[in-house]
Each structure stands twice: as C-alpha cells, then as structure tokens.
N, C-alpha and C. Protein backbone atom coordinates (compact mmCIF):
# COMPACT_ATOMS: atom_id res chain seq x y z
N GLN A 1 0.47 -1.32 0.47
CA GLN A 1 0.36 0.14 -0.33
C GLN A 1 0.87 1.53 0.13
N VAL A 2 0.08 2.11 -0.30
CA VAL A 2 1.40 3.46 -0.71
C VAL A 2 -0.23 4.69 -0.81
N GLN A 3 0.33 5.42 0.79
CA GLN A 3 -0.17 6.27 0.94
C GLN A 3 0.78 7.62 0.19
N LEU A 4 -0.50 8.35 -0.34
CA LEU A 4 0.04 9.97 -0.77
C LEU A 4 -0.53 10.97 -0.09
N LYS A 5 0.46 12.44 0.32
CA LYS A 5 -0.48 13.15 0.89
C LYS A 5 0.51 14.70 -0.44
N GLU A 6 -1.23 15.75 -0.48
CA GLU A 6 -0.28 16.92 -1.14
C GLU A 6 -0.30 18.08 -0.05
N SER A 7 0.76 19.00 -0.44
CA SER A 7 0.95 20.22 -0.08
C SER A 7 0.77 21.74 -0.65
N GLY A 8 0.50 21.88 -0.32
CA GLY A 8 1.58 23.04 -0.97
C GLY A 8 0.68 24.35 -1.95
N GLY A 9 -0.67 24.10 -1.76
CA GLY A 9 -1.53 25.07 -2.96
C GLY A 9 -2.07 26.09 -1.86
N GLY A 10 -2.60 27.34 -3.09
CA GLY A 10 -3.74 28.41 -2.01
C GLY A 10 -3.83 29.07 -3.34
N LEU A 11 -3.71 30.35 -3.02
CA LEU A 11 -3.98 31.09 -3.81
C LEU A 11 -2.99 32.26 -4.79
N VAL A 12 -2.83 32.49 -5.66
CA VAL A 12 -1.30 33.34 -5.91
C VAL A 12 -2.17 34.66 -7.54
N GLN A 13 -1.02 34.96 -7.48
CA GLN A 13 -1.27 36.14 -8.75
C GLN A 13 -0.57 35.50 -9.74
N PRO A 14 -1.92 35.77 -10.83
CA PRO A 14 -0.06 36.05 -11.68
C PRO A 14 0.16 36.59 -13.03
N GLY A 15 1.47 35.24 -12.47
CA GLY A 15 2.83 35.54 -12.92
C GLY A 15 3.66 34.99 -11.37
N GLY A 16 2.85 35.06 -10.62
CA GLY A 16 3.41 34.18 -8.85
C GLY A 16 3.86 32.44 -9.72
N SER A 17 4.16 32.09 -8.72
CA SER A 17 5.34 31.04 -8.36
C SER A 17 4.42 30.35 -6.52
N LEU A 18 4.55 28.58 -6.73
CA LEU A 18 4.30 27.47 -5.78
C LEU A 18 5.03 26.58 -6.02
N ARG A 19 5.23 26.23 -4.98
CA ARG A 19 5.80 24.50 -5.01
C ARG A 19 4.89 23.71 -3.92
N LEU A 20 4.23 22.81 -5.21
CA LEU A 20 3.49 21.71 -3.96
C LEU A 20 4.13 21.04 -4.19
N SER A 21 3.79 19.87 -2.70
CA SER A 21 4.61 18.83 -2.39
C SER A 21 4.15 17.80 -2.31
N CYS A 22 4.70 16.40 -2.18
CA CYS A 22 4.24 15.09 -2.80
C CYS A 22 5.10 13.91 -1.63
N ALA A 23 4.05 14.23 -0.19
CA ALA A 23 5.23 12.81 0.50
C ALA A 23 4.09 11.30 -0.13
N ALA A 24 5.04 10.45 -0.01
CA ALA A 24 4.32 9.49 -0.43
C ALA A 24 4.97 8.75 1.02
N SER A 25 3.63 7.95 1.56
CA SER A 25 4.82 6.78 2.67
C SER A 25 4.18 5.30 2.39
N GLY A 26 4.38 4.52 3.06
CA GLY A 26 4.04 2.37 2.99
C GLY A 26 4.80 2.68 2.16
N SER A 27 4.83 1.46 1.14
CA SER A 27 5.69 0.30 0.48
C SER A 27 6.03 1.22 -0.39
N ILE A 28 6.98 2.50 -0.65
CA ILE A 28 7.87 3.37 -1.42
C ILE A 28 8.21 2.80 -2.62
N PHE A 29 9.02 2.05 -2.45
CA PHE A 29 9.65 1.52 -3.58
C PHE A 29 9.31 0.53 -4.30
N SER A 30 7.85 0.73 -4.04
CA SER A 30 7.37 -0.12 -5.64
C SER A 30 7.40 0.88 -6.04
N ILE A 31 7.08 2.08 -6.00
CA ILE A 31 6.77 3.23 -6.58
C ILE A 31 7.46 3.06 -8.66
N ALA A 32 6.92 2.77 -9.49
CA ALA A 32 7.74 2.65 -10.74
C ALA A 32 7.45 4.59 -11.25
N THR A 33 6.42 5.42 -11.09
CA THR A 33 6.64 6.87 -11.37
C THR A 33 5.65 7.66 -10.28
N ILE A 34 5.95 9.16 -10.41
CA ILE A 34 4.87 9.27 -9.62
C ILE A 34 4.80 10.66 -10.95
N GLY A 35 3.07 10.98 -11.05
CA GLY A 35 2.18 12.89 -11.72
C GLY A 35 1.63 13.07 -11.26
N TRP A 36 1.89 14.72 -11.25
CA TRP A 36 1.17 15.37 -10.69
C TRP A 36 0.04 15.44 -12.37
N TYR A 37 -1.44 15.53 -11.90
CA TYR A 37 -2.15 16.39 -12.22
C TYR A 37 -2.96 17.11 -11.68
N ARG A 38 -4.16 17.14 -12.40
CA ARG A 38 -4.72 18.07 -12.38
C ARG A 38 -6.34 18.42 -13.26
N GLN A 39 -7.72 19.36 -12.56
CA GLN A 39 -8.45 19.07 -12.81
C GLN A 39 -9.15 20.41 -13.06
N ALA A 40 -10.40 20.89 -13.81
CA ALA A 40 -10.26 22.90 -13.24
C ALA A 40 -11.76 21.86 -13.37
N PRO A 41 -12.59 22.80 -13.00
CA PRO A 41 -14.14 22.84 -13.05
C PRO A 41 -14.84 22.88 -14.56
N GLY A 42 -15.79 21.52 -14.76
CA GLY A 42 -16.11 21.71 -15.83
C GLY A 42 -14.97 20.49 -16.44
N LYS A 43 -14.18 20.42 -16.72
CA LYS A 43 -12.78 19.89 -17.26
C LYS A 43 -13.30 18.43 -16.85
N GLU A 44 -12.00 17.25 -17.94
CA GLU A 44 -11.37 16.46 -17.64
C GLU A 44 -9.83 16.22 -16.62
N ARG A 45 -9.54 15.66 -15.95
CA ARG A 45 -8.53 15.12 -15.30
C ARG A 45 -7.44 14.95 -16.60
N GLU A 46 -6.21 16.13 -16.78
CA GLU A 46 -4.86 15.41 -17.60
C GLU A 46 -3.33 15.66 -16.71
N LEU A 47 -2.27 15.26 -17.05
CA LEU A 47 -1.54 15.07 -17.02
C LEU A 47 -0.88 15.62 -17.15
N VAL A 48 0.20 16.78 -15.75
CA VAL A 48 0.44 17.94 -15.76
C VAL A 48 2.02 17.14 -15.73
N ALA A 49 2.48 16.83 -15.35
CA ALA A 49 4.28 16.07 -14.71
C ALA A 49 4.03 14.45 -14.63
N LEU A 50 5.15 14.01 -14.64
CA LEU A 50 5.45 12.88 -14.28
C LEU A 50 7.09 12.43 -13.88
N ILE A 51 7.72 12.08 -12.61
CA ILE A 51 9.05 11.32 -12.70
C ILE A 51 9.18 10.34 -12.76
N THR A 52 9.95 9.20 -12.88
CA THR A 52 10.10 8.00 -12.62
C THR A 52 11.05 7.53 -12.51
N THR A 53 11.45 6.49 -11.41
CA THR A 53 12.85 5.42 -11.12
C THR A 53 13.60 6.31 -11.07
N GLY A 54 13.57 6.56 -12.41
CA GLY A 54 14.50 7.13 -12.51
C GLY A 54 15.88 8.14 -13.19
N ASP A 55 14.35 9.04 -12.49
CA ASP A 55 14.54 10.80 -13.23
C ASP A 55 14.31 11.05 -14.09
N ILE A 56 14.01 10.39 -14.95
CA ILE A 56 13.15 11.26 -16.06
C ILE A 56 11.43 11.37 -16.09
N THR A 57 11.76 13.02 -16.39
CA THR A 57 10.86 13.55 -16.46
C THR A 57 9.97 13.92 -17.73
N ASN A 58 9.09 14.22 -17.59
CA ASN A 58 7.66 14.99 -18.68
C ASN A 58 7.14 15.29 -18.14
N TYR A 59 6.87 16.64 -18.82
CA TYR A 59 6.43 17.39 -19.45
C TYR A 59 4.59 18.11 -20.39
N ALA A 60 3.43 18.62 -19.98
CA ALA A 60 2.35 18.55 -20.91
C ALA A 60 2.97 20.07 -20.69
N ASP A 61 2.95 19.96 -23.17
CA ASP A 61 3.00 21.19 -23.35
C ASP A 61 2.83 22.55 -23.16
N SER A 62 1.56 22.66 -22.15
CA SER A 62 0.86 23.87 -21.80
C SER A 62 1.39 23.91 -20.90
N VAL A 63 2.46 23.62 -20.24
CA VAL A 63 3.45 23.39 -18.79
C VAL A 63 4.79 23.83 -19.08
N LYS A 64 5.23 22.71 -19.63
CA LYS A 64 6.47 23.28 -20.42
C LYS A 64 7.59 23.69 -20.29
N GLY A 65 8.20 24.55 -19.35
CA GLY A 65 8.97 25.35 -19.41
C GLY A 65 9.20 25.88 -18.12
N ARG A 66 8.06 26.27 -17.33
CA ARG A 66 7.29 26.91 -16.51
C ARG A 66 7.18 25.61 -14.99
N PHE A 67 7.40 25.02 -15.28
CA PHE A 67 6.98 23.82 -14.01
C PHE A 67 8.22 22.69 -13.80
N THR A 68 8.42 22.18 -13.01
CA THR A 68 10.03 21.36 -13.43
C THR A 68 9.36 20.65 -11.71
N ILE A 69 9.30 19.10 -12.03
CA ILE A 69 8.93 18.22 -10.96
C ILE A 69 10.97 17.04 -11.19
N SER A 70 10.84 17.48 -9.67
CA SER A 70 11.83 17.37 -8.79
C SER A 70 11.50 16.32 -8.06
N ARG A 71 12.70 15.32 -7.22
CA ARG A 71 12.91 14.96 -6.16
C ARG A 71 14.40 14.26 -5.64
N VAL A 72 14.58 14.76 -4.13
CA VAL A 72 15.97 14.47 -3.73
C VAL A 72 16.74 12.18 -4.61
N ASN A 73 16.19 12.03 -3.41
CA ASN A 73 15.83 11.37 -4.04
C ASN A 73 14.69 9.73 -3.62
N ALA A 74 14.01 8.35 -3.56
CA ALA A 74 13.57 8.60 -3.48
C ALA A 74 12.26 7.35 -1.93
N LYS A 75 12.92 7.90 -1.54
CA LYS A 75 12.53 8.35 0.10
C LYS A 75 12.02 9.69 0.22
N ALA A 76 12.01 11.07 -0.32
CA ALA A 76 11.89 12.23 -0.26
C ALA A 76 10.30 12.84 -1.06
N PRO A 77 10.60 13.88 -0.44
CA PRO A 77 8.75 14.58 -1.01
C PRO A 77 8.63 14.17 -3.04
N VAL A 78 8.40 14.55 -3.35
CA VAL A 78 8.64 14.65 -4.89
C VAL A 78 7.91 16.04 -5.38
N TYR A 79 8.77 16.98 -5.03
CA TYR A 79 7.66 18.39 -5.89
C TYR A 79 7.24 18.57 -7.73
N LEU A 80 5.84 19.96 -6.92
CA LEU A 80 6.21 20.32 -9.09
C LEU A 80 6.52 21.59 -8.66
N GLN A 81 7.23 22.92 -8.99
CA GLN A 81 7.74 24.16 -8.89
C GLN A 81 7.29 24.67 -10.44
N MET A 82 6.05 25.38 -9.32
CA MET A 82 5.18 26.17 -10.54
C MET A 82 5.62 28.10 -10.36
N ASN A 83 6.03 28.33 -11.82
CA ASN A 83 6.51 29.77 -11.94
C ASN A 83 5.46 30.05 -13.47
N GLY A 84 5.69 31.16 -13.24
CA GLY A 84 5.11 31.65 -14.20
C GLY A 84 3.39 31.08 -14.46
N LEU A 85 2.94 31.40 -13.20
CA LEU A 85 1.62 30.57 -13.04
C LEU A 85 0.60 31.82 -14.28
N LYS A 86 -0.31 31.12 -14.17
CA LYS A 86 -0.99 31.90 -15.14
C LYS A 86 -2.63 31.49 -15.19
N PRO A 87 -3.62 32.20 -14.82
CA PRO A 87 -5.46 31.63 -14.92
C PRO A 87 -5.32 30.59 -15.02
N GLU A 88 -5.29 30.35 -16.71
CA GLU A 88 -5.89 28.36 -17.11
C GLU A 88 -5.40 27.82 -15.63
N ASP A 89 -3.63 27.89 -15.38
CA ASP A 89 -3.79 27.10 -14.98
C ASP A 89 -5.02 26.36 -13.18
N THR A 90 -5.63 27.16 -12.93
CA THR A 90 -6.43 27.24 -12.33
C THR A 90 -6.71 25.66 -11.89
N ALA A 91 -6.85 24.91 -10.89
CA ALA A 91 -7.65 24.00 -11.00
C ALA A 91 -6.84 23.05 -9.88
N VAL A 92 -7.29 22.04 -8.53
CA VAL A 92 -7.46 20.83 -8.05
C VAL A 92 -6.17 19.76 -8.22
N TYR A 93 -4.90 20.25 -8.07
CA TYR A 93 -3.50 18.73 -8.34
C TYR A 93 -3.40 17.75 -7.49
N TYR A 94 -3.25 17.05 -8.12
CA TYR A 94 -4.00 15.40 -7.31
C TYR A 94 -2.17 14.75 -7.85
N CYS A 95 -0.96 14.05 -6.72
CA CYS A 95 -0.54 12.64 -7.17
C CYS A 95 -0.63 11.68 -6.91
N SER A 96 0.63 11.07 -8.69
CA SER A 96 -0.72 9.87 -8.72
C SER A 96 0.75 9.25 -8.85
N ALA A 97 0.79 7.96 -7.72
CA ALA A 97 1.85 7.11 -7.59
C ALA A 97 1.87 5.94 -8.27
N VAL A 98 2.51 4.97 -9.44
CA VAL A 98 2.37 3.74 -10.40
C VAL A 98 3.04 3.21 -9.55
N THR A 99 2.37 1.88 -9.12
CA THR A 99 3.74 0.71 -8.26
C THR A 99 4.29 -0.16 -9.77
N ILE A 100 4.93 -0.71 -9.86
CA ILE A 100 6.35 -1.92 -10.69
C ILE A 100 5.25 -2.88 -10.54
N VAL A 101 3.74 -3.08 -10.90
CA VAL A 101 2.30 -3.45 -10.81
C VAL A 101 1.92 -3.55 -11.79
N ALA A 102 1.32 -2.35 -11.71
CA ALA A 102 0.91 -1.42 -11.99
C ALA A 102 -0.34 -0.76 -11.35
N HIS A 103 -0.43 -0.96 -10.00
CA HIS A 103 -1.51 0.10 -9.64
C HIS A 103 -1.28 0.99 -8.76
N THR A 104 -2.79 2.46 -8.68
CA THR A 104 -2.82 3.52 -8.56
C THR A 104 -2.70 3.15 -7.59
N TYR A 105 -2.73 4.52 -7.41
CA TYR A 105 -3.12 5.37 -5.18
C TYR A 105 -2.77 6.45 -6.16
N TRP A 106 -3.42 7.26 -4.81
CA TRP A 106 -4.32 8.79 -5.83
C TRP A 106 -3.86 9.16 -3.84
N GLY A 107 -3.57 11.05 -4.37
CA GLY A 107 -4.28 11.44 -2.94
C GLY A 107 -4.86 12.52 -3.26
N GLN A 108 -5.51 13.27 -2.27
CA GLN A 108 -6.46 14.15 -1.89
C GLN A 108 -6.83 15.25 -2.98
N GLY A 109 -6.08 16.30 -3.33
CA GLY A 109 -6.22 17.46 -4.47
C GLY A 109 -5.67 18.06 -2.96
N THR A 110 -4.69 18.98 -4.04
CA THR A 110 -5.21 20.91 -3.18
C THR A 110 -5.52 21.47 -4.18
N LEU A 111 -5.49 22.14 -3.69
CA LEU A 111 -6.05 23.91 -4.72
C LEU A 111 -5.40 24.77 -4.73
N VAL A 112 -5.40 24.70 -6.08
CA VAL A 112 -3.99 25.91 -6.37
C VAL A 112 -5.31 26.88 -7.39
N THR A 113 -5.76 27.94 -6.87
CA THR A 113 -5.88 29.27 -7.73
C THR A 113 -5.02 30.16 -7.94
N VAL A 114 -4.62 31.06 -9.21
CA VAL A 114 -4.65 31.77 -10.01
C VAL A 114 -5.10 33.04 -10.57
N SER A 115 -5.30 34.34 -9.80
CA SER A 115 -6.05 35.36 -9.84
C SER A 115 -5.72 36.11 -8.90
N THR A 116 -6.32 38.04 -9.73
CA THR A 116 -6.45 38.95 -8.71
C THR A 116 -6.63 39.08 -8.01
C-alpha cells in the first residue's frame, strides 16, 4: 500500500510561483512513477508532469518551461515547482503513484487558484 499527501496549494497572482509537495509513505520502493495531475471545474483530469524511478521527466506542453517536477531521492517528497502561473493553471492538483505492478494510488488533491 502507498499513501500520498499533497500540500502547497493556495491563492497566487498571475506570474507568481508555488511549490507543491507530494509525500509518499508505505511501500514507497514499489513506486515506478509519480505524476502530478490537475482538474479544473468542468474539465477532465489531465497529466501535468511525471517522474520515473530513474528521474526521467515528462511535461504537458501547456506547462513546459514553467513547471519542474523533481525529487532528491526515492525516500524524499516529489515536488512540482510552478513558475509563471497563469489563470488557466487554476485547478485541483493531484499526486498519483504507479507501482511496479501497475497499481495506481491517488492523493486527495490540493487547490491552486491563480487570480488577482
């Protein structure tokens, strides 16, 4: 079992920055991939960024160059550094872990609001 907890969401002005954190507990060494997803009202959930066990990263085109997913090691939280935030980035952001046996776990989400 893997437990995930997101933190770091809040209200920020356009052009501002936030850093989200995803803390994993339980069988953390069974995790193959951790991804950040987001869901805006009336929209489908979309993949924002992911990082693999080997620290290979991928980003949605809409956030490329602005967001960075990272972790110090497999025992540390996974971060999503968000710079140059835009109103269209407003969403509930979810952390998701996929294990080596392809089981998916989700956190409860953290709300990011980009507005004046």
